[in-house]
């Protein structure tokens, strides 16, 4: 718009200069009158151009607003359909599997669906409460392992925790929701046939004044997630009769409520990787009067690692090297 205005003023200035290059006494009044009309004409054009550009901008804004409202409407319809389908599934499982052989399976299915339903409804109705409390990292990881094992039956997978040695053992954060985010990410990977998982935990303060705790889940799942959007959209899949990405949707929303973020990306080999970051504060431990010392008998050992997975072996080796052990890796074959 500014360029149009400058161009019109430039043409207007040239017109005035052209009319006053060879002035004569007889034509002064005519030139002044002409100049006034030219000025009025120029201002009129400017006003018309401004109105046109403003109108186009309003049309564009209205179109974007309509598209946004339509997208929100579709999302709401999908979410309502998911809630309705969950209710039907709970009723169906409870009705069809009443004999003793299917009782345990039914209970697990109902528990999984009900848990997701409760979390989903809490998020939709803005009823999630974030509570910060003293958290031991070892307890959190034990909880994640136990929950994952209880939810995954009949599938074999390897999960390695790779914790940066600078991470303190006690922090202040929301234990329950932090565990839910990590479990939902890991469940998504395993349910989509991932068998090798690494959860790396480190501290970062990049682009932030606050300390950030970063959880990176690396998998052997090959899937294009570069758009970073569709993978977090919950849908019911009629073909598989499952809720695609419902757990990831819950994890994404919980991460936002914890003032953090969750993204999905592909690593250099095209494998799926999730990065979850949240701000945290260090919980100062009470003085115990003594400092724990590592016993001599577990220091600086020569360790031979035999594994069929190079990635898993390297992850374990890095952890052991941080503990000052000498590590050699041999392929299982």
C-alpha atoms as a PDB file:
ATOM      1  CA  UNK A   1       0.000   0.000   0.000  1.00  0.00           C
ATOM      2  CA  UNK A   2       2.843   2.415   0.858  1.00  0.00           C
ATOM      3  CA  UNK A   3       4.394   1.829  -2.543  1.00  0.00           C
ATOM      4  CA  UNK A   4       1.142   2.826  -4.287  1.00  0.00           C
ATOM      5  CA  UNK A   5       0.943   6.027  -2.252  1.00  0.00           C
ATOM      6  CA  UNK A   6       4.555   6.987  -3.022  1.00  0.00           C
ATOM      7  CA  UNK A   7       4.017   6.364  -6.727  1.00  0.00           C
ATOM      8  CA  UNK A   8       0.902   8.557  -6.838  1.00  0.00           C
ATOM      9  CA  UNK A   9       2.670  11.361  -4.955  1.00  0.00           C
ATOM     10  CA  UNK A  10       5.614  11.099  -7.360  1.00  0.00           C
ATOM     11  CA  UNK A  11       3.322  11.403 -10.410  1.00  0.00           C
ATOM     12  CA  UNK A  12       1.512  14.277  -8.736  1.00  0.00           C
ATOM     13  CA  UNK A  13       4.821  16.089  -8.055  1.00  0.00           C
ATOM     14  CA  UNK A  14       5.978  15.616 -11.654  1.00  0.00           C
ATOM     15  CA  UNK A  15       2.675  17.056 -12.917  1.00  0.00           C
ATOM     16  CA  UNK A  16       3.051  20.138 -10.761  1.00  0.00           C
ATOM     17  CA  UNK A  17       6.665  20.649 -11.872  1.00  0.00           C
ATOM     18  CA  UNK A  18       5.753  20.252 -15.528  1.00  0.00           C
ATOM     19  CA  UNK A  19       3.072  22.900 -15.199  1.00  0.00           C
ATOM     20  CA  UNK A  20       5.406  25.450 -13.540  1.00  0.00           C
ATOM     21  CA  UNK A  21       8.558  25.109 -15.672  1.00  0.00           C
ATOM     22  CA  UNK A  22       7.696  28.111 -17.945  1.00  0.00           C
ATOM     23  CA  UNK A  23       5.294  30.262 -16.007  1.00  0.00           C
ATOM     24  CA  UNK A  24       3.636  33.342 -17.525  1.00  0.00           C
ATOM     25  CA  UNK A  25       1.777  36.123 -15.801  1.00  0.00           C
ATOM     26  CA  UNK A  26      -1.335  35.511 -17.872  1.00  0.00           C
ATOM     27  CA  UNK A  27      -1.703  31.866 -16.886  1.00  0.00           C
ATOM     28  CA  UNK A  28      -0.918  32.009 -13.134  1.00  0.00           C
ATOM     29  CA  UNK A  29      -4.559  31.814 -12.087  1.00  0.00           C
ATOM     30  CA  UNK A  30      -5.283  29.019 -14.555  1.00  0.00           C
ATOM     31  CA  UNK A  31      -2.247  27.047 -13.323  1.00  0.00           C
ATOM     32  CA  UNK A  32      -3.243  27.493  -9.708  1.00  0.00           C
ATOM     33  CA  UNK A  33      -6.747  26.311 -10.530  1.00  0.00           C
ATOM     34  CA  UNK A  34      -5.359  23.380 -12.521  1.00  0.00           C
ATOM     35  CA  UNK A  35      -2.934  22.491  -9.693  1.00  0.00           C
ATOM     36  CA  UNK A  36      -5.794  22.470  -7.220  1.00  0.00           C
ATOM     37  CA  UNK A  37      -7.829  20.106  -9.442  1.00  0.00           C
ATOM     38  CA  UNK A  38      -4.814  17.840  -9.980  1.00  0.00           C
ATOM     39  CA  UNK A  39      -4.231  17.740  -6.216  1.00  0.00           C
ATOM     40  CA  UNK A  40      -7.879  16.883  -5.586  1.00  0.00           C
ATOM     41  CA  UNK A  41      -7.770  14.260  -8.314  1.00  0.00           C
ATOM     42  CA  UNK A  42      -4.602  12.723  -6.774  1.00  0.00           C
ATOM     43  CA  UNK A  43      -6.143  12.661  -3.306  1.00  0.00           C
ATOM     44  CA  UNK A  44      -9.235  10.988  -4.738  1.00  0.00           C
ATOM     45  CA  UNK A  45      -7.157   8.256  -6.355  1.00  0.00           C
ATOM     46  CA  UNK A  46      -5.253   7.747  -3.103  1.00  0.00           C
ATOM     47  CA  UNK A  47      -8.500   7.455  -1.155  1.00  0.00           C
ATOM     48  CA  UNK A  48      -9.906   4.935  -3.665  1.00  0.00           C
ATOM     49  CA  UNK A  49      -6.694   2.863  -3.514  1.00  0.00           C
ATOM     50  CA  UNK A  50      -6.713   2.925   0.302  1.00  0.00           C
ATOM     51  CA  UNK A  51     -10.339   1.794   0.377  1.00  0.00           C
ATOM     52  CA  UNK A  52      -9.628  -0.973  -2.144  1.00  0.00           C
ATOM     53  CA  UNK A  53      -6.626  -2.316  -0.226  1.00  0.00           C
ATOM     54  CA  UNK A  54      -8.493  -2.065   3.069  1.00  0.00           C
ATOM     55  CA  UNK A  55     -11.423  -3.958   1.566  1.00  0.00           C
ATOM     56  CA  UNK A  56      -9.142  -6.711   0.261  1.00  0.00           C
ATOM     57  CA  UNK A  57      -7.481  -6.999   3.666  1.00  0.00           C
ATOM     58  CA  UNK A  58     -10.868  -7.316   5.394  1.00  0.00           C
ATOM     59  CA  UNK A  59     -11.952  -9.994   2.895  1.00  0.00           C
ATOM     60  CA  UNK A  60      -8.721 -11.939   3.504  1.00  0.00           C
ATOM     61  CA  UNK A  61      -9.145 -11.663   7.280  1.00  0.00           C
ATOM     62  CA  UNK A  62     -12.770 -12.858   7.086  1.00  0.00           C
ATOM     63  CA  UNK A  63     -11.751 -15.799   4.899  1.00  0.00           C
ATOM     64  CA  UNK A  64      -9.005 -16.842   7.318  1.00  0.00           C
ATOM     65  CA  UNK A  65     -11.398 -16.462  10.259  1.00  0.00           C
ATOM     66  CA  UNK A  66     -14.026 -18.613   8.512  1.00  0.00           C
ATOM     67  CA  UNK A  67     -11.443 -21.309   7.762  1.00  0.00           C
ATOM     68  CA  UNK A  68     -10.255 -21.259  11.375  1.00  0.00           C
ATOM     69  CA  UNK A  69     -13.822 -21.562  12.695  1.00  0.00           C
ATOM     70  CA  UNK A  70     -14.539 -24.413  10.270  1.00  0.00           C
ATOM     71  CA  UNK A  71     -11.376 -26.221  11.411  1.00  0.00           C
ATOM     72  CA  UNK A  72     -12.329 -25.792  15.084  1.00  0.00           C
ATOM     73  CA  UNK A  73     -15.846 -27.032  14.316  1.00  0.00           C
ATOM     74  CA  UNK A  74     -14.520 -30.169  12.597  1.00  0.00           C
ATOM     75  CA  UNK A  75     -12.071 -30.797  15.453  1.00  0.00           C
ATOM     76  CA  UNK A  76     -14.884 -30.462  17.989  1.00  0.00           C
ATOM     77  CA  UNK A  77     -17.080 -32.874  15.991  1.00  0.00           C
ATOM     78  CA  UNK A  78     -14.246 -35.425  15.825  1.00  0.00           C
ATOM     79  CA  UNK A  79     -13.638 -35.110  19.576  1.00  0.00           C
ATOM     80  CA  UNK A  80     -17.345 -35.501  20.368  1.00  0.00           C
ATOM     81  CA  UNK A  81     -17.460 -38.600  18.170  1.00  0.00           C
ATOM     82  CA  UNK A  82     -14.447 -40.055  20.008  1.00  0.00           C
ATOM     83  CA  UNK A  83     -16.093 -39.517  23.403  1.00  0.00           C
ATOM     84  CA  UNK A  84     -19.292 -41.165  22.158  1.00  0.00           C
ATOM     85  CA  UNK A  85     -17.364 -44.127  20.691  1.00  0.00           C
ATOM     86  CA  UNK A  86     -15.447 -44.598  23.945  1.00  0.00           C
ATOM     87  CA  UNK A  87     -18.697 -44.856  25.864  1.00  0.00           C
ATOM     88  CA  UNK A  88     -20.011 -47.442  23.399  1.00  0.00           C
ATOM     89  CA  UNK A  89     -16.788 -49.467  23.660  1.00  0.00           C
ATOM     90  CA  UNK A  90     -16.872 -49.551  27.449  1.00  0.00           C
ATOM     91  CA  UNK A  91     -20.476 -50.768  27.386  1.00  0.00           C
ATOM     92  CA  UNK A  92     -19.731 -53.333  24.680  1.00  0.00           C
ATOM     93  CA  UNK A  93     -16.669 -54.795  26.440  1.00  0.00           C
ATOM     94  CA  UNK A  94     -18.477 -55.031  29.762  1.00  0.00           C
ATOM     95  CA  UNK A  95     -21.472 -56.763  28.114  1.00  0.00           C
ATOM     96  CA  UNK A  96     -19.680 -59.254  25.867  1.00  0.00           C
ATOM     97  CA  UNK A  97     -16.865 -60.447  28.143  1.00  0.00           C
ATOM     98  CA  UNK A  98     -18.517 -61.587  31.335  1.00  0.00           C
ATOM     99  CA  UNK A  99     -17.001 -65.091  31.596  1.00  0.00           C
ATOM    100  CA  UNK A 100     -13.918 -65.702  33.767  1.00  0.00           C
ATOM    101  CA  UNK A 101     -11.523 -66.365  30.856  1.00  0.00           C
ATOM    102  CA  UNK A 102     -12.006 -62.888  29.419  1.00  0.00           C
ATOM    103  CA  UNK A 103     -12.470 -61.055  32.711  1.00  0.00           C
ATOM    104  CA  UNK A 104      -8.860 -59.907  33.131  1.00  0.00           C
ATOM    105  CA  UNK A 105      -8.624 -58.836  29.488  1.00  0.00           C
ATOM    106  CA  UNK A 106     -11.905 -56.946  29.750  1.00  0.00           C
ATOM    107  CA  UNK A 107     -10.813 -55.158  32.904  1.00  0.00           C
ATOM    108  CA  UNK A 108      -7.570 -54.017  31.251  1.00  0.00           C
ATOM    109  CA  UNK A 109      -9.406 -52.816  28.135  1.00  0.00           C
ATOM    110  CA  UNK A 110     -12.021 -50.938  30.142  1.00  0.00           C
ATOM    111  CA  UNK A 111      -9.341 -49.414  32.387  1.00  0.00           C
ATOM    112  CA  UNK A 112      -7.310 -48.201  29.385  1.00  0.00           C
ATOM    113  CA  UNK A 113     -10.325 -46.692  27.606  1.00  0.00           C
ATOM    114  CA  UNK A 114     -11.729 -45.156  30.792  1.00  0.00           C
ATOM    115  CA  UNK A 115      -8.385 -43.567  31.696  1.00  0.00           C
ATOM    116  CA  UNK A 116      -8.100 -41.990  28.243  1.00  0.00           C
ATOM    117  CA  UNK A 117     -11.734 -40.886  28.394  1.00  0.00           C
ATOM    118  CA  UNK A 118     -11.255 -39.160  31.762  1.00  0.00           C
ATOM    119  CA  UNK A 119      -8.071 -37.388  30.613  1.00  0.00           C
ATOM    120  CA  UNK A 120      -9.705 -36.426  27.326  1.00  0.00           C
ATOM    121  CA  UNK A 121     -12.782 -34.939  29.028  1.00  0.00           C
ATOM    122  CA  UNK A 122     -10.650 -33.099  31.595  1.00  0.00           C
ATOM    123  CA  UNK A 123      -8.631 -31.464  28.817  1.00  0.00           C
ATOM    124  CA  UNK A 124     -11.751 -30.562  26.823  1.00  0.00           C
ATOM    125  CA  UNK A 125     -13.426 -28.946  29.840  1.00  0.00           C
ATOM    126  CA  UNK A 126     -10.244 -27.241  31.121  1.00  0.00           C
ATOM    127  CA  UNK A 127     -10.352 -29.207  34.367  1.00  0.00           C
ATOM    128  CA  UNK A 128      -6.726 -30.375  34.437  1.00  0.00           C
ATOM    129  CA  UNK A 129      -4.921 -29.113  37.544  1.00  0.00           C
ATOM    130  CA  UNK A 130      -1.136 -28.851  37.430  1.00  0.00           C
ATOM    131  CA  UNK A 131       0.400 -29.523  40.843  1.00  0.00           C
ATOM    132  CA  UNK A 132       4.115 -29.055  41.450  1.00  0.00           C
ATOM    133  CA  UNK A 133       5.695 -31.266  44.065  1.00  0.00           C
ATOM    134  CA  UNK A 134       8.981 -32.816  45.055  1.00  0.00           C
ATOM    135  CA  UNK A 135       9.843 -35.488  42.511  1.00  0.00           C
ATOM    136  CA  UNK A 136      12.548 -38.155  42.550  1.00  0.00           C
ATOM    137  CA  UNK A 137      13.593 -38.943  39.011  1.00  0.00           C
ATOM    138  CA  UNK A 138      14.232 -42.616  39.832  1.00  0.00           C
ATOM    139  CA  UNK A 139      10.662 -42.970  41.184  1.00  0.00           C
ATOM    140  CA  UNK A 140       9.271 -41.332  38.046  1.00  0.00           C
ATOM    141  CA  UNK A 141      11.112 -43.745  35.749  1.00  0.00           C
ATOM    142  CA  UNK A 142      10.034 -46.751  37.855  1.00  0.00           C
ATOM    143  CA  UNK A 143       6.439 -45.555  37.556  1.00  0.00           C
ATOM    144  CA  UNK A 144       6.785 -45.148  33.768  1.00  0.00           C
ATOM    145  CA  UNK A 145       8.254 -48.671  33.418  1.00  0.00           C
ATOM    146  CA  UNK A 146       5.537 -50.230  35.583  1.00  0.00           C
ATOM    147  CA  UNK A 147       2.669 -48.483  33.774  1.00  0.00           C
ATOM    148  CA  UNK A 148       4.119 -49.352  30.378  1.00  0.00           C
ATOM    149  CA  UNK A 149       4.525 -53.017  31.333  1.00  0.00           C
ATOM    150  CA  UNK A 150       0.936 -53.178  32.618  1.00  0.00           C
ATOM    151  CA  UNK A 151      -0.453 -51.726  29.378  1.00  0.00           C
ATOM    152  CA  UNK A 152       1.656 -53.719  26.922  1.00  0.00           C
ATOM    153  CA  UNK A 153       1.099 -57.471  26.831  1.00  0.00           C
ATOM    154  CA  UNK A 154       2.368 -59.905  24.240  1.00  0.00           C
ATOM    155  CA  UNK A 155       4.841 -57.429  22.708  1.00  0.00           C
ATOM    156  CA  UNK A 156       8.576 -57.515  23.254  1.00  0.00           C
ATOM    157  CA  UNK A 157      10.584 -54.286  23.284  1.00  0.00           C
ATOM    158  CA  UNK A 158      13.726 -52.809  24.805  1.00  0.00           C
ATOM    159  CA  UNK A 159      13.626 -49.534  26.729  1.00  0.00           C
ATOM    160  CA  UNK A 160      16.819 -47.849  27.859  1.00  0.00           C
ATOM    161  CA  UNK A 161      17.050 -44.806  30.097  1.00  0.00           C
ATOM    162  CA  UNK A 162      19.976 -42.567  29.191  1.00  0.00           C
ATOM    163  CA  UNK A 163      20.233 -39.887  31.896  1.00  0.00           C
ATOM    164  CA  UNK A 164      22.775 -37.091  31.616  1.00  0.00           C
ATOM    165  CA  UNK A 165      25.110 -37.138  34.619  1.00  0.00           C
ATOM    166  CA  UNK A 166      24.413 -33.426  35.257  1.00  0.00           C
ATOM    167  CA  UNK A 167      20.742 -34.146  36.047  1.00  0.00           C
ATOM    168  CA  UNK A 168      19.907 -33.914  39.742  1.00  0.00           C
ATOM    169  CA  UNK A 169      17.908 -36.713  41.332  1.00  0.00           C
ATOM    170  CA  UNK A 170      15.241 -34.482  42.874  1.00  0.00           C
ATOM    171  CA  UNK A 171      13.266 -31.809  41.024  1.00  0.00           C
ATOM    172  CA  UNK A 172      10.018 -29.930  41.470  1.00  0.00           C
ATOM    173  CA  UNK A 173       7.396 -30.793  38.861  1.00  0.00           C
ATOM    174  CA  UNK A 174       3.985 -32.389  38.255  1.00  0.00           C
ATOM    175  CA  UNK A 175       4.712 -36.089  38.825  1.00  0.00           C
ATOM    176  CA  UNK A 176       1.391 -37.508  37.610  1.00  0.00           C
ATOM    177  CA  UNK A 177       1.069 -35.570  34.354  1.00  0.00           C
ATOM    178  CA  UNK A 178       4.777 -35.858  33.578  1.00  0.00           C
ATOM    179  CA  UNK A 179       4.448 -39.635  33.856  1.00  0.00           C
ATOM    180  CA  UNK A 180       1.317 -39.626  31.634  1.00  0.00           C
ATOM    181  CA  UNK A 181       3.097 -37.712  28.868  1.00  0.00           C
ATOM    182  CA  UNK A 182       6.064 -40.098  28.823  1.00  0.00           C
ATOM    183  CA  UNK A 183       3.903 -43.246  29.026  1.00  0.00           C
ATOM    184  CA  UNK A 184       1.635 -42.088  26.185  1.00  0.00           C
ATOM    185  CA  UNK A 185       4.634 -41.367  23.933  1.00  0.00           C
ATOM    186  CA  UNK A 186       6.203 -44.762  24.651  1.00  0.00           C
ATOM    187  CA  UNK A 187       2.851 -46.565  24.248  1.00  0.00           C
ATOM    188  CA  UNK A 188       2.360 -44.973  20.834  1.00  0.00           C
ATOM    189  CA  UNK A 189       5.762 -46.225  19.694  1.00  0.00           C
ATOM    190  CA  UNK A 190       5.285 -49.785  20.985  1.00  0.00           C
ATOM    191  CA  UNK A 191       1.714 -50.044  19.662  1.00  0.00           C
ATOM    192  CA  UNK A 192       3.082 -49.069  16.248  1.00  0.00           C
ATOM    193  CA  UNK A 193       5.594 -51.964  16.300  1.00  0.00           C
ATOM    194  CA  UNK A 194       8.637 -50.184  17.728  1.00  0.00           C
ATOM    195  CA  UNK A 195      10.919 -52.660  19.541  1.00  0.00           C
ATOM    196  CA  UNK A 196      13.910 -50.481  20.468  1.00  0.00           C
ATOM    197  CA  UNK A 197      13.342 -47.344  22.532  1.00  0.00           C
ATOM    198  CA  UNK A 198      15.691 -44.949  24.260  1.00  0.00           C
ATOM    199  CA  UNK A 199      14.553 -42.251  26.674  1.00  0.00           C
ATOM    200  CA  UNK A 200      17.279 -39.640  27.024  1.00  0.00           C
ATOM    201  CA  UNK A 201      16.989 -37.040  29.776  1.00  0.00           C
ATOM    202  CA  UNK A 202      19.107 -33.911  29.903  1.00  0.00           C
ATOM    203  CA  UNK A 203      19.013 -30.316  31.058  1.00  0.00           C
ATOM    204  CA  UNK A 204      18.902 -27.434  28.597  1.00  0.00           C
ATOM    205  CA  UNK A 205      18.430 -23.676  28.845  1.00  0.00           C
ATOM    206  CA  UNK A 206      18.610 -22.866  25.116  1.00  0.00           C
ATOM    207  CA  UNK A 207      16.413 -19.884  24.132  1.00  0.00           C
ATOM    208  CA  UNK A 208      14.968 -19.791  27.646  1.00  0.00           C
ATOM    209  CA  UNK A 209      15.827 -18.011  30.851  1.00  0.00           C
ATOM    210  CA  UNK A 210      14.433 -20.960  32.832  1.00  0.00           C
ATOM    211  CA  UNK A 211      16.051 -24.369  33.183  1.00  0.00           C
ATOM    212  CA  UNK A 212      14.384 -26.876  30.886  1.00  0.00           C
ATOM    213  CA  UNK A 213      14.195 -30.604  31.397  1.00  0.00           C
ATOM    214  CA  UNK A 214      14.352 -32.347  28.026  1.00  0.00           C
ATOM    215  CA  UNK A 215      13.037 -35.890  27.421  1.00  0.00           C
ATOM    216  CA  UNK A 216      13.918 -37.352  24.015  1.00  0.00           C
ATOM    217  CA  UNK A 217      12.302 -40.645  22.986  1.00  0.00           C
ATOM    218  CA  UNK A 218      14.192 -42.273  20.107  1.00  0.00           C
ATOM    219  CA  UNK A 219      12.530 -45.210  18.373  1.00  0.00           C
ATOM    220  CA  UNK A 220      13.102 -47.596  15.469  1.00  0.00           C
ATOM    221  CA  UNK A 221       9.723 -46.594  14.022  1.00  0.00           C
ATOM    222  CA  UNK A 222      10.010 -45.437  10.408  1.00  0.00           C
ATOM    223  CA  UNK A 223       7.276 -42.917   9.610  1.00  0.00           C
ATOM    224  CA  UNK A 224       7.227 -39.433   8.086  1.00  0.00           C
ATOM    225  CA  UNK A 225       6.246 -36.983  10.851  1.00  0.00           C
ATOM    226  CA  UNK A 226       7.922 -33.849   9.522  1.00  0.00           C
ATOM    227  CA  UNK A 227       4.629 -31.911   9.337  1.00  0.00           C
ATOM    228  CA  UNK A 228       4.484 -32.300  13.133  1.00  0.00           C
ATOM    229  CA  UNK A 229       0.708 -31.767  13.209  1.00  0.00           C
ATOM    230  CA  UNK A 230      -1.272 -34.822  12.044  1.00  0.00           C
ATOM    231  CA  UNK A 231       0.458 -37.188  14.445  1.00  0.00           C
ATOM    232  CA  UNK A 232      -1.075 -35.310  17.394  1.00  0.00           C
ATOM    233  CA  UNK A 233      -4.635 -35.239  15.990  1.00  0.00           C
ATOM    234  CA  UNK A 234      -6.954 -37.787  17.597  1.00  0.00           C
ATOM    235  CA  UNK A 235      -9.201 -39.855  15.311  1.00  0.00           C
ATOM    236  CA  UNK A 236     -11.127 -43.116  15.470  1.00  0.00           C
ATOM    237  CA  UNK A 237      -9.926 -45.585  12.844  1.00  0.00           C
ATOM    238  CA  UNK A 238     -12.820 -47.733  11.584  1.00  0.00           C
ATOM    239  CA  UNK A 239     -10.440 -50.205   9.913  1.00  0.00           C
ATOM    240  CA  UNK A 240      -8.388 -50.975  13.020  1.00  0.00           C
ATOM    241  CA  UNK A 241     -11.184 -50.092  15.487  1.00  0.00           C
ATOM    242  CA  UNK A 242      -8.656 -48.100  17.500  1.00  0.00           C
ATOM    243  CA  UNK A 243      -8.155 -44.466  18.505  1.00  0.00           C
ATOM    244  CA  UNK A 244      -5.277 -43.165  16.409  1.00  0.00           C
ATOM    245  CA  UNK A 245      -3.009 -40.709  18.242  1.00  0.00           C
ATOM    246  CA  UNK A 246      -5.419 -40.223  21.161  1.00  0.00           C
ATOM    247  CA  UNK A 247      -2.585 -40.786  23.633  1.00  0.00           C
ATOM    248  CA  UNK A 248      -0.353 -38.339  21.754  1.00  0.00           C
ATOM    249  CA  UNK A 249      -3.140 -35.755  21.690  1.00  0.00           C
ATOM    250  CA  UNK A 250      -3.455 -36.037  25.477  1.00  0.00           C
ATOM    251  CA  UNK A 251       0.338 -35.871  25.875  1.00  0.00           C
ATOM    252  CA  UNK A 252       0.565 -32.761  23.679  1.00  0.00           C
ATOM    253  CA  UNK A 253      -2.189 -30.931  25.580  1.00  0.00           C
ATOM    254  CA  UNK A 254      -0.720 -31.884  28.975  1.00  0.00           C
ATOM    255  CA  UNK A 255       2.712 -30.623  27.897  1.00  0.00           C
ATOM    256  CA  UNK A 256       1.176 -27.239  27.036  1.00  0.00           C
ATOM    257  CA  UNK A 257      -0.600 -27.063  30.397  1.00  0.00           C
ATOM    258  CA  UNK A 258       2.752 -27.747  32.078  1.00  0.00           C
ATOM    259  CA  UNK A 259       4.157 -24.731  30.158  1.00  0.00           C
ATOM    260  CA  UNK A 260       6.273 -27.035  28.033  1.00  0.00           C
ATOM    261  CA  UNK A 261       6.070 -28.466  24.535  1.00  0.00           C
ATOM    262  CA  UNK A 262       6.036 -31.781  22.712  1.00  0.00           C
ATOM    263  CA  UNK A 263       7.190 -32.192  19.118  1.00  0.00           C
ATOM    264  CA  UNK A 264       7.677 -35.110  16.743  1.00  0.00           C
ATOM    265  CA  UNK A 265      10.454 -35.219  14.175  1.00  0.00           C
ATOM    266  CA  UNK A 266      12.477 -37.571  12.006  1.00  0.00           C
ATOM    267  CA  UNK A 267      16.143 -38.171  12.790  1.00  0.00           C
ATOM    268  CA  UNK A 268      18.855 -38.427  10.143  1.00  0.00           C
ATOM    269  CA  UNK A 269      17.812 -42.031   9.395  1.00  0.00           C
ATOM    270  CA  UNK A 270      14.126 -41.128   8.998  1.00  0.00           C
ATOM    271  CA  UNK A 271      13.190 -42.727  12.348  1.00  0.00           C
ATOM    272  CA  UNK A 272      10.567 -41.165  14.625  1.00  0.00           C
ATOM    273  CA  UNK A 273      11.806 -39.119  17.566  1.00  0.00           C
ATOM    274  CA  UNK A 274       9.764 -37.260  20.190  1.00  0.00           C
ATOM    275  CA  UNK A 275      11.145 -34.312  22.175  1.00  0.00           C
ATOM    276  CA  UNK A 276       9.289 -33.228  25.311  1.00  0.00           C
ATOM    277  CA  UNK A 277      10.538 -30.219  27.286  1.00  0.00           C
ATOM    278  CA  UNK A 278       9.234 -28.608  30.480  1.00  0.00           C
ATOM    279  CA  UNK A 279      10.551 -25.919  32.824  1.00  0.00           C
ATOM    280  CA  UNK A 280      11.587 -27.168  36.239  1.00  0.00           C
ATOM    281  CA  UNK A 281      13.169 -26.079  39.492  1.00  0.00           C
ATOM    282  CA  UNK A 282      15.710 -27.993  41.546  1.00  0.00           C
ATOM    283  CA  UNK A 283      14.504 -29.285  44.881  1.00  0.00           C
ATOM    284  CA  UNK A 284      17.264 -28.680  47.433  1.00  0.00           C
ATOM    285  CA  UNK A 285      17.827 -31.856  49.450  1.00  0.00           C
ATOM    286  CA  UNK A 286      17.990 -31.719  53.202  1.00  0.00           C
ATOM    287  CA  UNK A 287      21.526 -32.167  54.603  1.00  0.00           C
ATOM    288  CA  UNK A 288      22.146 -35.769  55.707  1.00  0.00           C
ATOM    289  CA  UNK A 289      25.479 -35.234  57.422  1.00  0.00           C
ATOM    290  CA  UNK A 290      27.396 -37.611  55.128  1.00  0.00           C
ATOM    291  CA  UNK A 291      28.250 -37.981  51.465  1.00  0.00           C
ATOM    292  CA  UNK A 292      27.576 -41.216  49.599  1.00  0.00           C
ATOM    293  CA  UNK A 293      30.686 -42.848  48.181  1.00  0.00           C
ATOM    294  CA  UNK A 294      30.805 -45.395  45.379  1.00  0.00           C
ATOM    295  CA  UNK A 295      32.294 -48.669  46.695  1.00  0.00           C
ATOM    296  CA  UNK A 296      35.674 -49.573  45.234  1.00  0.00           C
ATOM    297  CA  UNK A 297      34.450 -52.977  44.031  1.00  0.00           C
ATOM    298  CA  UNK A 298      32.121 -51.390  41.444  1.00  0.00           C
ATOM    299  CA  UNK A 299      34.578 -48.771  40.179  1.00  0.00           C
ATOM    300  CA  UNK A 300      36.470 -48.869  36.878  1.00  0.00           C
ATOM    301  CA  UNK A 301      35.489 -52.321  35.684  1.00  0.00           C
ATOM    302  CA  UNK A 302      36.323 -53.839  32.308  1.00  0.00           C
ATOM    303  CA  UNK A 303      32.935 -54.625  30.787  1.00  0.00           C
ATOM    304  CA  UNK A 304      32.133 -56.725  27.708  1.00  0.00           C
ATOM    305  CA  UNK A 305      28.764 -55.916  26.104  1.00  0.00           C
ATOM    306  CA  UNK A 306      27.174 -58.464  23.778  1.00  0.00           C
ATOM    307  CA  UNK A 307      24.017 -57.382  21.976  1.00  0.00           C
ATOM    308  CA  UNK A 308      22.298 -57.848  18.632  1.00  0.00           C
ATOM    309  CA  UNK A 309      21.402 -54.148  18.494  1.00  0.00           C
ATOM    310  CA  UNK A 310      24.244 -51.707  17.920  1.00  0.00           C
ATOM    311  CA  UNK A 311      22.066 -48.785  18.994  1.00  0.00           C
ATOM    312  CA  UNK A 312      21.110 -50.399  22.297  1.00  0.00           C
ATOM    313  CA  UNK A 313      24.696 -51.467  22.994  1.00  0.00           C
ATOM    314  CA  UNK A 314      26.044 -47.977  22.333  1.00  0.00           C
ATOM    315  CA  UNK A 315      23.468 -46.416  24.643  1.00  0.00           C
ATOM    316  CA  UNK A 316      24.386 -48.779  27.471  1.00  0.00           C
ATOM    317  CA  UNK A 317      28.090 -48.249  26.800  1.00  0.00           C
ATOM    318  CA  UNK A 318      27.722 -44.470  27.082  1.00  0.00           C
ATOM    319  CA  UNK A 319      26.045 -44.826  30.475  1.00  0.00           C
ATOM    320  CA  UNK A 320      28.755 -47.187  31.744  1.00  0.00           C
ATOM    321  CA  UNK A 321      31.547 -44.937  30.436  1.00  0.00           C
ATOM    322  CA  UNK A 322      30.060 -42.058  32.426  1.00  0.00           C
ATOM    323  CA  UNK A 323      30.644 -44.268  35.484  1.00  0.00           C
ATOM    324  CA  UNK A 324      34.342 -44.590  34.502  1.00  0.00           C
ATOM    325  CA  UNK A 325      34.118 -48.183  33.242  1.00  0.00           C
ATOM    326  CA  UNK A 326      36.041 -49.546  30.264  1.00  0.00           C
ATOM    327  CA  UNK A 327      33.533 -50.946  27.754  1.00  0.00           C
ATOM    328  CA  UNK A 328      33.986 -53.182  24.733  1.00  0.00           C
ATOM    329  CA  UNK A 329      31.089 -54.077  22.422  1.00  0.00           C
ATOM    330  CA  UNK A 330      30.718 -57.320  20.486  1.00  0.00           C
ATOM    331  CA  UNK A 331      27.828 -58.090  18.138  1.00  0.00           C
ATOM    332  CA  UNK A 332      25.712 -61.024  19.287  1.00  0.00           C
ATOM    333  CA  UNK A 333      26.068 -62.780  15.908  1.00  0.00           C
END
